[in-house]
Amino acid sequence: MHGFIGKMKTPEEELRRTILEDLSKVIDPETGADVVRMKLVEDLVVDASGQVSYTFRPSSPLCPIAVYLAVQIRMTVAGVPGVSGQRIKVTNYVAAEKLTELINQEELFDLEEG
């Protein structure tokens, strides 16, 4: 019984696993590969309140579909039951600062829930 307790997953770990499963269905149309396999989502952390933070790393600094992928990733994470919010950092992209600011604007994404 002692070994079994050590293997139980916390709610945060379960939510993280579900998020990664759902993100594996987000496909980069340029490569046909999913964003998890391509390692475009890194440092995914879920806290006890369901707040999710992660880094989005487009496949190249000039990725022509970075905004599209960032929105797809955000919408996918938002659709997972138990997620209460997101904090996204964009890196390795020519407009990383601007895209980070844009993708974290809650008011732009409130429309998708209504």
C-alpha atoms as a PDB file:
ATOM      1  CA  MET A   1       0.000   0.000   0.000  1.00  0.00           C
ATOM      2  CA  HIS A   2       2.876   2.325   0.754  1.00  0.00           C
ATOM      3  CA  GLY A   3       4.145   2.088  -2.885  1.00  0.00           C
ATOM      4  CA  PHE A   4       0.678   2.774  -4.289  1.00  0.00           C
ATOM      5  CA  ILE A   5       0.346   6.101  -2.472  1.00  0.00           C
ATOM      6  CA  GLY A   6       3.609   7.308  -3.984  1.00  0.00           C
ATOM      7  CA  LYS A   7       2.232   6.686  -7.494  1.00  0.00           C
ATOM      8  CA  MET A   8      -1.020   8.611  -7.095  1.00  0.00           C
ATOM      9  CA  LYS A   9      -1.230  11.704  -9.234  1.00  0.00           C
ATOM     10  CA  THR A  10      -2.217  15.055  -7.776  1.00  0.00           C
ATOM     11  CA  PRO A  11      -5.131  16.930  -9.366  1.00  0.00           C
ATOM     12  CA  GLU A  12      -2.566  19.328 -10.858  1.00  0.00           C
ATOM     13  CA  GLU A  13      -0.623  16.462 -12.455  1.00  0.00           C
ATOM     14  CA  GLU A  14      -3.835  14.967 -13.856  1.00  0.00           C
ATOM     15  CA  LEU A  15      -4.889  18.331 -15.279  1.00  0.00           C
ATOM     16  CA  ARG A  16      -1.433  18.795 -16.817  1.00  0.00           C
ATOM     17  CA  ARG A  17      -1.670  15.337 -18.421  1.00  0.00           C
ATOM     18  CA  THR A  18      -5.123  16.129 -19.853  1.00  0.00           C
ATOM     19  CA  ILE A  19      -3.890  19.464 -21.233  1.00  0.00           C
ATOM     20  CA  LEU A  20      -0.940  17.766 -22.952  1.00  0.00           C
ATOM     21  CA  GLU A  21      -3.253  15.093 -24.388  1.00  0.00           C
ATOM     22  CA  ASP A  22      -5.516  17.776 -25.845  1.00  0.00           C
ATOM     23  CA  LEU A  23      -2.561  19.805 -27.130  1.00  0.00           C
ATOM     24  CA  SER A  24      -1.317  16.730 -28.968  1.00  0.00           C
ATOM     25  CA  LYS A  25      -4.359  17.220 -31.235  1.00  0.00           C
ATOM     26  CA  VAL A  26      -3.220  20.734 -32.247  1.00  0.00           C
ATOM     27  CA  ILE A  27      -1.420  20.227 -35.547  1.00  0.00           C
ATOM     28  CA  ASP A  28       1.090  22.566 -37.168  1.00  0.00           C
ATOM     29  CA  PRO A  29      -0.283  22.749 -40.729  1.00  0.00           C
ATOM     30  CA  GLU A  30       3.188  23.388 -42.144  1.00  0.00           C
ATOM     31  CA  THR A  31       4.686  20.164 -40.749  1.00  0.00           C
ATOM     32  CA  GLY A  32       1.680  17.952 -40.031  1.00  0.00           C
ATOM     33  CA  ALA A  33       3.116  17.289 -36.547  1.00  0.00           C
ATOM     34  CA  ASP A  34       1.443  18.151 -33.270  1.00  0.00           C
ATOM     35  CA  VAL A  35       2.664  21.017 -31.084  1.00  0.00           C
ATOM     36  CA  VAL A  36       3.625  18.687 -28.214  1.00  0.00           C
ATOM     37  CA  ARG A  37       5.793  16.433 -30.383  1.00  0.00           C
ATOM     38  CA  MET A  38       7.396  19.510 -31.953  1.00  0.00           C
ATOM     39  CA  LYS A  39       8.083  20.870 -28.431  1.00  0.00           C
ATOM     40  CA  LEU A  40       6.373  24.175 -29.219  1.00  0.00           C
ATOM     41  CA  VAL A  41       4.833  24.178 -25.720  1.00  0.00           C
ATOM     42  CA  GLU A  42       7.382  24.100 -22.911  1.00  0.00           C
ATOM     43  CA  ASP A  43       7.469  24.520 -19.123  1.00  0.00           C
ATOM     44  CA  LEU A  44       3.777  23.690 -18.674  1.00  0.00           C
ATOM     45  CA  VAL A  45       2.847  24.192 -15.014  1.00  0.00           C
ATOM     46  CA  VAL A  46      -0.571  23.889 -13.378  1.00  0.00           C
ATOM     47  CA  ASP A  47      -1.224  25.270  -9.908  1.00  0.00           C
ATOM     48  CA  ALA A  48      -3.834  24.170  -7.359  1.00  0.00           C
ATOM     49  CA  SER A  49      -6.344  26.774  -8.575  1.00  0.00           C
ATOM     50  CA  GLY A  50      -6.199  25.527 -12.187  1.00  0.00           C
ATOM     51  CA  GLN A  51      -4.045  28.414 -13.397  1.00  0.00           C
ATOM     52  CA  VAL A  52      -1.825  27.192 -16.246  1.00  0.00           C
ATOM     53  CA  SER A  53       1.442  28.779 -17.333  1.00  0.00           C
ATOM     54  CA  TYR A  54       3.640  27.745 -20.231  1.00  0.00           C
ATOM     55  CA  THR A  55       6.018  28.945 -22.892  1.00  0.00           C
ATOM     56  CA  PHE A  56       5.097  28.897 -26.575  1.00  0.00           C
ATOM     57  CA  ARG A  57       8.133  28.585 -28.809  1.00  0.00           C
ATOM     58  CA  PRO A  58       7.316  28.898 -32.529  1.00  0.00           C
ATOM     59  CA  SER A  59       9.361  26.603 -34.762  1.00  0.00           C
ATOM     60  CA  SER A  60      11.365  29.552 -36.111  1.00  0.00           C
ATOM     61  CA  PRO A  61      11.851  33.238 -35.245  1.00  0.00           C
ATOM     62  CA  LEU A  62       9.961  34.168 -38.430  1.00  0.00           C
ATOM     63  CA  CYS A  63       7.259  31.475 -38.197  1.00  0.00           C
ATOM     64  CA  PRO A  64       4.444  32.706 -40.490  1.00  0.00           C
ATOM     65  CA  ILE A  65       1.750  30.925 -38.464  1.00  0.00           C
ATOM     66  CA  ALA A  66       2.923  31.784 -34.948  1.00  0.00           C
ATOM     67  CA  VAL A  67      -0.167  33.853 -34.140  1.00  0.00           C
ATOM     68  CA  TYR A  68      -2.470  31.145 -35.511  1.00  0.00           C
ATOM     69  CA  LEU A  69      -0.735  28.445 -33.457  1.00  0.00           C
ATOM     70  CA  ALA A  70      -0.683  30.600 -30.302  1.00  0.00           C
ATOM     71  CA  VAL A  71      -4.448  31.121 -30.587  1.00  0.00           C
ATOM     72  CA  GLN A  72      -5.088  27.406 -31.257  1.00  0.00           C
ATOM     73  CA  ILE A  73      -2.986  26.441 -28.242  1.00  0.00           C
ATOM     74  CA  ARG A  74      -4.681  28.993 -25.990  1.00  0.00           C
ATOM     75  CA  MET A  75      -8.172  27.918 -27.069  1.00  0.00           C
ATOM     76  CA  THR A  76      -7.313  24.242 -26.590  1.00  0.00           C
ATOM     77  CA  VAL A  77      -5.984  24.830 -23.067  1.00  0.00           C
ATOM     78  CA  ALA A  78      -9.014  27.002 -22.222  1.00  0.00           C
ATOM     79  CA  GLY A  79     -11.309  24.164 -23.289  1.00  0.00           C
ATOM     80  CA  VAL A  80      -9.927  21.712 -20.735  1.00  0.00           C
ATOM     81  CA  PRO A  81     -12.258  21.356 -17.730  1.00  0.00           C
ATOM     82  CA  GLY A  82     -10.537  22.588 -14.584  1.00  0.00           C
ATOM     83  CA  VAL A  83      -8.438  25.290 -16.256  1.00  0.00           C
ATOM     84  CA  SER A  84      -9.185  28.604 -14.559  1.00  0.00           C
ATOM     85  CA  GLY A  85      -6.775  30.826 -16.493  1.00  0.00           C
ATOM     86  CA  GLN A  86      -3.562  30.972 -18.480  1.00  0.00           C
ATOM     87  CA  ARG A  87      -0.296  32.851 -18.510  1.00  0.00           C
ATOM     88  CA  ILE A  88       1.620  32.411 -21.747  1.00  0.00           C
ATOM     89  CA  LYS A  89       5.138  33.500 -22.575  1.00  0.00           C
ATOM     90  CA  VAL A  90       6.263  33.562 -26.208  1.00  0.00           C
ATOM     91  CA  THR A  91       9.941  33.038 -26.954  1.00  0.00           C
ATOM     92  CA  ASN A  92      12.200  32.486 -29.978  1.00  0.00           C
ATOM     93  CA  TYR A  93      10.040  34.709 -32.186  1.00  0.00           C
ATOM     94  CA  VAL A  94      10.813  38.037 -33.830  1.00  0.00           C
ATOM     95  CA  ALA A  95       7.704  39.638 -32.300  1.00  0.00           C
ATOM     96  CA  ALA A  96       7.736  37.604 -29.072  1.00  0.00           C
ATOM     97  CA  GLU A  97       7.037  40.549 -26.787  1.00  0.00           C
ATOM     98  CA  LYS A  98       4.072  41.765 -28.839  1.00  0.00           C
ATOM     99  CA  LEU A  99       2.611  38.272 -29.247  1.00  0.00           C
ATOM    100  CA  THR A 100       3.025  37.582 -25.513  1.00  0.00           C
ATOM    101  CA  GLU A 101       1.104  40.780 -24.769  1.00  0.00           C
ATOM    102  CA  LEU A 102      -1.627  39.972 -27.309  1.00  0.00           C
ATOM    103  CA  ILE A 103      -2.155  36.322 -26.386  1.00  0.00           C
ATOM    104  CA  ASN A 104      -2.516  37.186 -22.685  1.00  0.00           C
ATOM    105  CA  GLN A 105      -5.281  39.762 -23.188  1.00  0.00           C
ATOM    106  CA  GLU A 106      -8.222  38.049 -21.508  1.00  0.00           C
ATOM    107  CA  GLU A 107     -10.795  40.401 -23.013  1.00  0.00           C
ATOM    108  CA  LEU A 108      -9.908  39.236 -26.540  1.00  0.00           C
ATOM    109  CA  PHE A 109     -10.689  35.653 -25.618  1.00  0.00           C
ATOM    110  CA  ASP A 110     -13.799  36.202 -23.500  1.00  0.00           C
ATOM    111  CA  LEU A 111     -15.803  36.089 -26.736  1.00  0.00           C
ATOM    112  CA  GLU A 112     -14.888  32.421 -27.314  1.00  0.00           C
ATOM    113  CA  GLU A 113     -16.519  31.406 -24.043  1.00  0.00           C
ATOM    114  CA  GLY A 114     -19.759  33.313 -24.556  1.00  0.00           C
END
